[in-house]
């Protein structure tokens, strides 16, 4: 299938990011101790490899189509090499890094999808971003369980101040 040049360029910039991220996650897995964190790392690698496979199919001019992105629960499992020599503190830091990189990848996929011209390629990248968001939610939950994610709450007074300030829009 032939892609618009802009889509080709966007996909071409995604591939090195995926390549580097897969290697980084594999290295982080060697330092992880917690089984749940290792499962999250494995899920991240599965997402990244699945996305690479789809993008490579998109780029193949000899193919007329490419496979549908697998559902989140159908992603391939990989066997990450682990040593379980890490610590709980190290696991929290690894999870924080994975959270940040997953959020960045989700944003990158959403922004790229907005710029893409081919409707099917655009939709696939939106779905890729949504998979990253699912993983992001799982990592955030892991961090909360391990008391490594703090979300400060606003006060009722501050929230009411905002509501009052913008209430005119409800009446216009």
C-alpha atoms as a PDB file:
ATOM      1  CA  UNK A   1       0.000   0.000   0.000  1.00  0.00           C
ATOM      2  CA  UNK A   2       1.291   3.442  -0.772  1.00  0.00           C
ATOM      3  CA  UNK A   3       0.990   6.012   1.978  1.00  0.00           C
ATOM      4  CA  UNK A   4       0.876   9.786   1.770  1.00  0.00           C
ATOM      5  CA  UNK A   5       4.410  11.128   2.253  1.00  0.00           C
ATOM      6  CA  UNK A   6       3.395  12.850   5.496  1.00  0.00           C
ATOM      7  CA  UNK A   7       2.182   9.543   6.976  1.00  0.00           C
ATOM      8  CA  UNK A   8       5.426   7.877   5.843  1.00  0.00           C
ATOM      9  CA  UNK A   9       7.421  10.567   7.638  1.00  0.00           C
ATOM     10  CA  UNK A  10       5.429  10.292  10.853  1.00  0.00           C
ATOM     11  CA  UNK A  11       5.719   6.508  10.954  1.00  0.00           C
ATOM     12  CA  UNK A  12       9.429   6.745  10.175  1.00  0.00           C
ATOM     13  CA  UNK A  13       9.903   8.936  13.266  1.00  0.00           C
ATOM     14  CA  UNK A  14       7.944   6.465  15.429  1.00  0.00           C
ATOM     15  CA  UNK A  15      10.052   3.422  14.607  1.00  0.00           C
ATOM     16  CA  UNK A  16      13.343   4.548  16.226  1.00  0.00           C
ATOM     17  CA  UNK A  17      11.413   5.598  19.347  1.00  0.00           C
ATOM     18  CA  UNK A  18       9.876   2.135  19.545  1.00  0.00           C
ATOM     19  CA  UNK A  19      13.249   0.491  18.934  1.00  0.00           C
ATOM     20  CA  UNK A  20      14.872   2.437  21.751  1.00  0.00           C
ATOM     21  CA  UNK A  21      11.935   1.958  24.101  1.00  0.00           C
ATOM     22  CA  UNK A  22      11.873  -1.816  23.630  1.00  0.00           C
ATOM     23  CA  UNK A  23      15.574  -1.999  24.505  1.00  0.00           C
ATOM     24  CA  UNK A  24      15.124   0.297  27.503  1.00  0.00           C
ATOM     25  CA  UNK A  25      12.243  -1.767  28.888  1.00  0.00           C
ATOM     26  CA  UNK A  26      14.256  -4.962  28.453  1.00  0.00           C
ATOM     27  CA  UNK A  27      17.110  -3.392  30.420  1.00  0.00           C
ATOM     28  CA  UNK A  28      14.756  -2.127  33.140  1.00  0.00           C
ATOM     29  CA  UNK A  29      13.228  -5.594  33.456  1.00  0.00           C
ATOM     30  CA  UNK A  30      16.646  -6.906  34.480  1.00  0.00           C
ATOM     31  CA  UNK A  31      16.526  -4.562  37.472  1.00  0.00           C
ATOM     32  CA  UNK A  32      12.886  -5.147  38.448  1.00  0.00           C
ATOM     33  CA  UNK A  33      11.958  -7.373  41.359  1.00  0.00           C
ATOM     34  CA  UNK A  34       8.178  -7.197  41.728  1.00  0.00           C
ATOM     35  CA  UNK A  35       6.294  -9.740  39.587  1.00  0.00           C
ATOM     36  CA  UNK A  36       3.432  -7.321  38.885  1.00  0.00           C
ATOM     37  CA  UNK A  37       5.895  -4.707  37.626  1.00  0.00           C
ATOM     38  CA  UNK A  38       7.566  -7.316  35.417  1.00  0.00           C
ATOM     39  CA  UNK A  39       4.131  -8.145  33.972  1.00  0.00           C
ATOM     40  CA  UNK A  40       3.588  -4.436  33.222  1.00  0.00           C
ATOM     41  CA  UNK A  41       6.986  -4.232  31.546  1.00  0.00           C
ATOM     42  CA  UNK A  42       6.139  -7.319  29.527  1.00  0.00           C
ATOM     43  CA  UNK A  43       2.832  -5.737  28.487  1.00  0.00           C
ATOM     44  CA  UNK A  44       4.684  -2.587  27.397  1.00  0.00           C
ATOM     45  CA  UNK A  45       7.079  -4.596  25.235  1.00  0.00           C
ATOM     46  CA  UNK A  46       4.125  -6.495  23.763  1.00  0.00           C
ATOM     47  CA  UNK A  47       2.399  -3.217  22.887  1.00  0.00           C
ATOM     48  CA  UNK A  48       5.536  -1.769  21.332  1.00  0.00           C
ATOM     49  CA  UNK A  49       6.310  -4.888  19.267  1.00  0.00           C
ATOM     50  CA  UNK A  50       2.711  -5.100  18.085  1.00  0.00           C
ATOM     51  CA  UNK A  51       2.796  -1.452  17.015  1.00  0.00           C
ATOM     52  CA  UNK A  52       6.104  -1.968  15.190  1.00  0.00           C
ATOM     53  CA  UNK A  53       4.717  -4.981  13.322  1.00  0.00           C
ATOM     54  CA  UNK A  54       1.657  -2.999  12.198  1.00  0.00           C
ATOM     55  CA  UNK A  55       3.720   0.026  11.145  1.00  0.00           C
ATOM     56  CA  UNK A  56       6.135  -2.174   9.199  1.00  0.00           C
ATOM     57  CA  UNK A  57       3.135  -3.665   7.384  1.00  0.00           C
ATOM     58  CA  UNK A  58       1.834  -0.162   6.670  1.00  0.00           C
ATOM     59  CA  UNK A  59       5.179   0.722   5.091  1.00  0.00           C
ATOM     60  CA  UNK A  60       5.434  -2.374   2.902  1.00  0.00           C
ATOM     61  CA  UNK A  61       4.520  -1.179  -0.612  1.00  0.00           C
ATOM     62  CA  UNK A  62       3.960  -4.773  -1.730  1.00  0.00           C
ATOM     63  CA  UNK A  63       1.091  -5.254   0.720  1.00  0.00           C
ATOM     64  CA  UNK A  64      -2.362  -3.969  -0.069  1.00  0.00           C
ATOM     65  CA  UNK A  65      -3.458  -3.900   3.581  1.00  0.00           C
ATOM     66  CA  UNK A  66      -2.268  -4.624   7.097  1.00  0.00           C
ATOM     67  CA  UNK A  67      -3.609  -6.568  10.051  1.00  0.00           C
ATOM     68  CA  UNK A  68      -5.948  -5.019  12.578  1.00  0.00           C
ATOM     69  CA  UNK A  69      -4.256  -3.897  15.755  1.00  0.00           C
ATOM     70  CA  UNK A  70      -4.708  -6.698  18.318  1.00  0.00           C
ATOM     71  CA  UNK A  71      -6.902  -5.901  21.291  1.00  0.00           C
ATOM     72  CA  UNK A  72      -5.125  -4.964  24.495  1.00  0.00           C
ATOM     73  CA  UNK A  73      -5.798  -8.391  26.008  1.00  0.00           C
ATOM     74  CA  UNK A  74      -4.550 -10.186  22.887  1.00  0.00           C
ATOM     75  CA  UNK A  75      -1.094  -8.606  22.781  1.00  0.00           C
ATOM     76  CA  UNK A  76       1.815 -10.995  22.393  1.00  0.00           C
ATOM     77  CA  UNK A  77       3.599 -12.017  25.574  1.00  0.00           C
ATOM     78  CA  UNK A  78       7.365 -11.943  25.641  1.00  0.00           C
ATOM     79  CA  UNK A  79       9.700 -13.491  28.120  1.00  0.00           C
ATOM     80  CA  UNK A  80      11.764 -10.663  29.508  1.00  0.00           C
ATOM     81  CA  UNK A  81      15.088 -11.576  30.990  1.00  0.00           C
ATOM     82  CA  UNK A  82      14.985 -10.771  34.694  1.00  0.00           C
ATOM     83  CA  UNK A  83      17.363 -11.127  37.609  1.00  0.00           C
ATOM     84  CA  UNK A  84      15.017  -9.996  40.417  1.00  0.00           C
ATOM     85  CA  UNK A  85      17.958  -8.327  42.084  1.00  0.00           C
ATOM     86  CA  UNK A  86      16.233  -4.982  42.422  1.00  0.00           C
ATOM     87  CA  UNK A  87      14.512  -3.452  45.392  1.00  0.00           C
ATOM     88  CA  UNK A  88      11.085  -2.012  46.122  1.00  0.00           C
ATOM     89  CA  UNK A  89      12.568   1.480  45.793  1.00  0.00           C
ATOM     90  CA  UNK A  90      14.069   0.579  42.406  1.00  0.00           C
ATOM     91  CA  UNK A  91      10.729  -0.890  41.281  1.00  0.00           C
ATOM     92  CA  UNK A  92       8.957   2.380  42.090  1.00  0.00           C
ATOM     93  CA  UNK A  93      11.492   4.340  40.048  1.00  0.00           C
ATOM     94  CA  UNK A  94      11.193   1.927  37.140  1.00  0.00           C
ATOM     95  CA  UNK A  95       7.398   2.257  37.275  1.00  0.00           C
ATOM     96  CA  UNK A  96       7.671   6.068  37.324  1.00  0.00           C
ATOM     97  CA  UNK A  97       9.869   5.945  34.226  1.00  0.00           C
ATOM     98  CA  UNK A  98       7.490   3.572  32.459  1.00  0.00           C
ATOM     99  CA  UNK A  99       4.575   5.845  33.360  1.00  0.00           C
ATOM    100  CA  UNK A 100       6.326   8.897  31.898  1.00  0.00           C
ATOM    101  CA  UNK A 101       7.415   7.137  28.708  1.00  0.00           C
ATOM    102  CA  UNK A 102       3.999   5.538  28.201  1.00  0.00           C
ATOM    103  CA  UNK A 103       2.280   8.896  28.594  1.00  0.00           C
ATOM    104  CA  UNK A 104       4.707  10.451  26.108  1.00  0.00           C
ATOM    105  CA  UNK A 105       4.073   7.666  23.601  1.00  0.00           C
ATOM    106  CA  UNK A 106       0.294   8.052  23.965  1.00  0.00           C
ATOM    107  CA  UNK A 107       0.568  11.802  23.309  1.00  0.00           C
ATOM    108  CA  UNK A 108       2.868  11.213  20.353  1.00  0.00           C
ATOM    109  CA  UNK A 109       0.441   8.724  18.807  1.00  0.00           C
ATOM    110  CA  UNK A 110      -2.561  11.047  19.311  1.00  0.00           C
ATOM    111  CA  UNK A 111      -0.752  14.052  17.847  1.00  0.00           C
ATOM    112  CA  UNK A 112       0.571  12.008  14.923  1.00  0.00           C
ATOM    113  CA  UNK A 113      -2.893  10.602  14.241  1.00  0.00           C
ATOM    114  CA  UNK A 114      -4.245  14.143  13.954  1.00  0.00           C
ATOM    115  CA  UNK A 115      -1.648  14.879  11.270  1.00  0.00           C
ATOM    116  CA  UNK A 116      -2.056  11.650   9.304  1.00  0.00           C
ATOM    117  CA  UNK A 117      -3.904  11.679   5.999  1.00  0.00           C
ATOM    118  CA  UNK A 118      -4.814   8.026   5.376  1.00  0.00           C
ATOM    119  CA  UNK A 119      -8.019   7.375   7.371  1.00  0.00           C
ATOM    120  CA  UNK A 120      -7.148   3.782   8.296  1.00  0.00           C
ATOM    121  CA  UNK A 121      -3.598   4.684   9.343  1.00  0.00           C
ATOM    122  CA  UNK A 122      -5.014   7.598  11.369  1.00  0.00           C
ATOM    123  CA  UNK A 123      -7.539   5.340  13.146  1.00  0.00           C
ATOM    124  CA  UNK A 124      -4.903   2.714  13.885  1.00  0.00           C
ATOM    125  CA  UNK A 125      -2.678   5.320  15.535  1.00  0.00           C
ATOM    126  CA  UNK A 126      -5.600   6.514  17.656  1.00  0.00           C
ATOM    127  CA  UNK A 127      -6.089   2.899  18.762  1.00  0.00           C
ATOM    128  CA  UNK A 128      -2.350   2.630  19.484  1.00  0.00           C
ATOM    129  CA  UNK A 129      -2.610   5.722  21.673  1.00  0.00           C
ATOM    130  CA  UNK A 130      -5.582   4.247  23.518  1.00  0.00           C
ATOM    131  CA  UNK A 131      -3.598   1.080  24.236  1.00  0.00           C
ATOM    132  CA  UNK A 132      -0.860   3.253  25.726  1.00  0.00           C
ATOM    133  CA  UNK A 133      -3.504   4.976  27.872  1.00  0.00           C
ATOM    134  CA  UNK A 134      -4.713   1.581  29.132  1.00  0.00           C
ATOM    135  CA  UNK A 135      -1.170   0.678  30.108  1.00  0.00           C
ATOM    136  CA  UNK A 136      -0.702   4.116  31.672  1.00  0.00           C
ATOM    137  CA  UNK A 137      -3.733   3.501  33.888  1.00  0.00           C
ATOM    138  CA  UNK A 138      -2.344   0.123  34.953  1.00  0.00           C
ATOM    139  CA  UNK A 139       1.059   1.595  35.803  1.00  0.00           C
ATOM    140  CA  UNK A 140      -0.578   4.461  37.712  1.00  0.00           C
ATOM    141  CA  UNK A 141      -2.569   1.932  39.727  1.00  0.00           C
ATOM    142  CA  UNK A 142       0.645   0.009  40.462  1.00  0.00           C
ATOM    143  CA  UNK A 143       2.285   3.224  41.668  1.00  0.00           C
ATOM    144  CA  UNK A 144      -0.700   4.031  43.895  1.00  0.00           C
ATOM    145  CA  UNK A 145      -0.597   0.536  45.401  1.00  0.00           C
ATOM    146  CA  UNK A 146       3.077   1.084  46.168  1.00  0.00           C
ATOM    147  CA  UNK A 147       2.526   4.578  47.593  1.00  0.00           C
ATOM    148  CA  UNK A 148       4.580   6.151  44.820  1.00  0.00           C
ATOM    149  CA  UNK A 149       1.857   8.221  43.150  1.00  0.00           C
ATOM    150  CA  UNK A 150       0.508  11.240  44.925  1.00  0.00           C
ATOM    151  CA  UNK A 151      -2.314  13.252  43.419  1.00  0.00           C
ATOM    152  CA  UNK A 152      -3.063  16.345  45.476  1.00  0.00           C
ATOM    153  CA  UNK A 153      -6.707  17.312  45.646  1.00  0.00           C
ATOM    154  CA  UNK A 154      -8.054  20.824  45.339  1.00  0.00           C
ATOM    155  CA  UNK A 155     -10.046  22.344  48.153  1.00  0.00           C
ATOM    156  CA  UNK A 156     -13.823  22.770  47.952  1.00  0.00           C
ATOM    157  CA  UNK A 157     -13.326  26.539  48.196  1.00  0.00           C
ATOM    158  CA  UNK A 158     -10.938  26.674  45.222  1.00  0.00           C
ATOM    159  CA  UNK A 159     -13.211  24.489  43.103  1.00  0.00           C
ATOM    160  CA  UNK A 160     -16.225  26.653  43.925  1.00  0.00           C
ATOM    161  CA  UNK A 161     -14.215  29.744  43.003  1.00  0.00           C
ATOM    162  CA  UNK A 162     -13.546  28.279  39.537  1.00  0.00           C
ATOM    163  CA  UNK A 163     -17.194  27.244  39.084  1.00  0.00           C
ATOM    164  CA  UNK A 164     -18.405  30.710  40.071  1.00  0.00           C
ATOM    165  CA  UNK A 165     -15.901  32.423  37.798  1.00  0.00           C
ATOM    166  CA  UNK A 166     -17.037  30.480  34.720  1.00  0.00           C
ATOM    167  CA  UNK A 167     -20.741  30.104  35.552  1.00  0.00           C
ATOM    168  CA  UNK A 168     -21.627  32.867  33.080  1.00  0.00           C
ATOM    169  CA  UNK A 169     -21.006  30.382  30.252  1.00  0.00           C
ATOM    170  CA  UNK A 170     -23.870  28.230  31.457  1.00  0.00           C
ATOM    171  CA  UNK A 171     -26.269  31.148  31.076  1.00  0.00           C
ATOM    172  CA  UNK A 172     -25.180  32.443  27.673  1.00  0.00           C
END
